Amino acid sequence: MTNRNGAGSASGSREHLPINHRVHHVGSGELDGFAAISGGTVGSKKLWMGLVENPPLSSTDNHHHGDSEAGIYVVSGHPVFVYHDGTQEVRLAANPGDFFLVPPFVPHREENPDPNEPAVVVIARTTQEPIKVSVPELYRLEGTDAQASGSIP
């Protein structure tokens, strides 16, 4: 196995394999911005993964992630995920250890209502690079499987 720079793990030897034919290790201090795994960091073709920290009393804009699914794991803090169910805004409060799925094209926003503690989440998306499309308001996305699955529809 090799780290992201190609150095061998056990023997210290360098492997000369194409970038997508080896295991990559991205250490916690080696994030490229917030991206850990992406096309730019390790040559990923279908996955983006990174760490996001939302400061106290913050909120993102309303947005969706295009045709990418997003899986979210709450590391610390108590973020709130907000979407519209067609009738009203729905607010899903999260705790450390919780997981969320945001289906493709579903408008939502993340909030951190805590006045003191940042909310830290790990996000995985099914595209090589992150996609974020801002929208003026939250609205229900018609015709998705997410409405019956219990994820953020």
Protein backbone atom coordinates (compact mmCIF):
# COMPACT_ATOMS: atom_id res chain seq x y z
CA MET A 1 0.00 0.00 0.00
CA THR A 2 1.10 3.55 -0.56
CA ASN A 3 0.29 6.94 0.80
CA ARG A 4 -0.98 9.72 -1.46
CA ASN A 5 2.58 10.62 -2.42
CA GLY A 6 3.41 7.09 -3.57
CA ALA A 7 5.72 6.11 -0.72
CA GLY A 8 5.52 2.45 0.27
CA SER A 9 4.01 1.75 3.66
CA ALA A 10 5.88 -1.28 4.99
CA SER A 11 9.15 -1.43 3.11
CA GLY A 12 9.61 2.25 2.29
CA SER A 13 9.92 1.41 -1.42
CA ARG A 14 8.15 3.45 -4.09
CA GLU A 15 5.60 1.76 -6.26
CA HIS A 16 5.26 2.84 -9.86
CA LEU A 17 1.59 2.10 -10.40
CA PRO A 18 -0.96 4.37 -12.05
CA ILE A 19 -2.71 6.66 -9.55
CA ASN A 20 -5.97 4.64 -9.56
CA HIS A 21 -4.25 1.29 -8.93
CA ARG A 22 -3.15 1.83 -5.36
CA VAL A 23 -4.61 2.56 -1.97
CA HIS A 24 -4.33 6.21 -1.00
CA HIS A 25 -3.96 7.50 2.53
CA VAL A 26 -4.83 11.12 3.12
CA GLY A 27 -3.77 12.11 6.62
CA SER A 28 -5.90 14.41 8.73
CA GLY A 29 -3.45 17.26 8.20
CA GLU A 30 -3.32 16.82 4.41
CA LEU A 31 -6.77 18.03 3.38
CA ASP A 32 -6.89 20.08 0.18
CA GLY A 33 -9.18 22.78 1.55
CA PHE A 34 -11.95 20.53 2.86
CA ALA A 35 -11.50 17.80 0.23
CA ALA A 36 -9.81 14.58 1.26
CA ILE A 37 -10.78 12.32 -1.62
CA SER A 38 -11.43 13.86 -5.03
CA GLY A 39 -10.17 13.86 -8.57
CA GLY A 40 -7.66 16.53 -7.62
CA THR A 41 -6.31 14.89 -4.48
CA VAL A 42 -6.11 11.20 -5.34
CA GLY A 43 -7.52 10.82 -8.87
CA SER A 44 -10.99 9.68 -7.82
CA LYS A 45 -13.39 9.17 -10.72
CA LYS A 46 -16.78 8.84 -9.00
CA LEU A 47 -16.39 9.96 -5.40
CA TRP A 48 -15.76 13.15 -3.46
CA MET A 49 -15.26 13.04 0.28
CA GLY A 50 -14.35 15.77 2.69
CA LEU A 51 -14.71 17.43 6.05
CA VAL A 52 -16.88 20.50 6.59
CA GLU A 53 -16.99 22.66 9.70
CA ASN A 54 -19.92 25.04 10.15
CA PRO A 55 -19.18 27.75 12.72
CA PRO A 56 -21.56 28.55 15.58
CA LEU A 57 -24.77 30.39 14.58
CA SER A 58 -24.21 29.80 10.86
CA SER A 59 -26.31 28.69 7.91
CA THR A 60 -25.57 27.74 4.32
CA ASP A 61 -27.61 29.13 1.48
CA ASN A 62 -30.40 27.03 -0.05
CA HIS A 63 -28.76 24.66 -2.52
CA HIS A 64 -28.68 21.21 -4.10
CA HIS A 65 -25.86 19.00 -5.32
CA GLY A 66 -26.97 18.35 -8.91
CA ASP A 67 -27.07 14.70 -9.90
CA SER A 68 -24.83 13.75 -6.97
CA GLU A 69 -26.05 11.88 -3.91
CA ALA A 70 -24.56 13.14 -0.65
CA GLY A 71 -23.97 11.01 2.42
CA ILE A 72 -23.36 12.95 5.62
CA TYR A 73 -21.90 11.73 8.91
CA VAL A 74 -22.06 14.06 11.93
CA VAL A 75 -18.72 14.06 13.75
CA SER A 76 -19.49 16.72 16.37
CA GLY A 77 -21.95 19.45 17.14
CA HIS A 78 -25.68 19.53 16.45
CA PRO A 79 -26.36 20.64 12.88
CA VAL A 80 -29.89 20.97 11.52
CA PHE A 81 -30.74 19.90 7.96
CA VAL A 82 -33.66 21.79 6.41
CA TYR A 83 -35.72 20.91 3.33
CA HIS A 84 -39.29 21.50 2.08
CA ASP A 85 -41.80 18.64 1.95
CA GLY A 86 -44.24 20.46 -0.37
CA THR A 87 -46.28 21.89 2.48
CA GLN A 88 -43.75 23.26 4.93
CA GLU A 89 -40.11 23.38 5.91
CA VAL A 90 -38.90 20.27 7.69
CA ARG A 91 -36.03 20.55 10.16
CA LEU A 92 -34.00 17.44 11.00
CA ALA A 93 -31.87 17.93 14.11
CA ALA A 94 -28.68 15.87 14.19
CA ASN A 95 -26.38 14.52 16.85
CA PRO A 96 -22.83 13.14 16.65
CA GLY A 97 -22.92 9.70 15.05
CA ASP A 98 -26.00 10.41 12.88
CA PHE A 99 -26.03 9.73 9.13
CA PHE A 100 -28.09 11.47 6.42
CA LEU A 101 -28.67 10.88 2.73
CA VAL A 102 -29.43 13.83 0.47
CA PRO A 103 -30.72 12.56 -2.90
CA PRO A 104 -29.76 14.25 -6.19
CA PHE A 105 -31.26 17.69 -6.93
CA VAL A 106 -33.00 18.01 -3.52
CA PRO A 107 -32.89 21.63 -2.29
CA HIS A 108 -31.78 21.93 1.34
CA ARG A 109 -29.60 23.92 3.71
CA GLU A 110 -27.48 23.17 6.73
CA GLU A 111 -27.70 25.24 9.88
CA ASN A 112 -25.72 25.32 13.09
CA PRO A 113 -27.92 26.97 15.72
CA ASP A 114 -25.45 26.39 18.56
CA PRO A 115 -23.98 29.70 19.80
CA ASN A 116 -20.74 28.10 21.02
CA GLU A 117 -19.88 24.85 19.24
CA PRO A 118 -19.03 24.32 15.56
CA ALA A 119 -20.76 21.48 13.72
CA VAL A 120 -18.33 19.14 11.97
CA VAL A 121 -19.52 16.68 9.33
CA VAL A 122 -17.90 14.28 6.88
CA ILE A 123 -19.54 14.39 3.46
CA ALA A 124 -19.28 11.82 0.67
CA ARG A 125 -20.70 12.62 -2.77
CA THR A 126 -21.09 10.40 -5.80
CA THR A 127 -19.21 12.75 -8.09
CA GLN A 128 -15.49 13.30 -8.43
CA GLU A 129 -15.74 16.94 -7.36
CA PRO A 130 -18.27 18.76 -5.19
CA ILE A 131 -21.33 20.25 -6.90
CA LYS A 132 -23.26 23.05 -5.20
CA VAL A 133 -26.08 24.84 -7.03
CA SER A 134 -27.61 27.73 -5.08
CA VAL A 135 -31.39 28.17 -5.33
CA PRO A 136 -33.50 31.12 -4.17
CA GLU A 137 -35.82 29.02 -2.00
CA LEU A 138 -36.50 25.52 -0.76
CA TYR A 139 -39.08 23.52 -2.70
CA ARG A 140 -40.19 19.91 -2.97
CA LEU A 141 -38.52 17.93 -5.70
CA GLU A 142 -41.28 16.01 -7.46
CA GLY A 143 -40.92 12.41 -8.56
CA THR A 144 -38.01 11.18 -6.42
CA ASP A 145 -37.67 7.85 -4.66
CA ALA A 146 -36.44 9.80 -1.63
CA GLN A 147 -39.98 10.74 -0.60
CA ALA A 148 -40.65 7.16 0.51
CA SER A 149 -37.20 6.30 1.84
CA GLY A 150 -36.92 8.44 4.96
CA SER A 151 -33.99 10.44 3.64
CA ILE A 152 -34.04 14.17 3.07
CA PRO A 153 -36.50 14.28 0.13
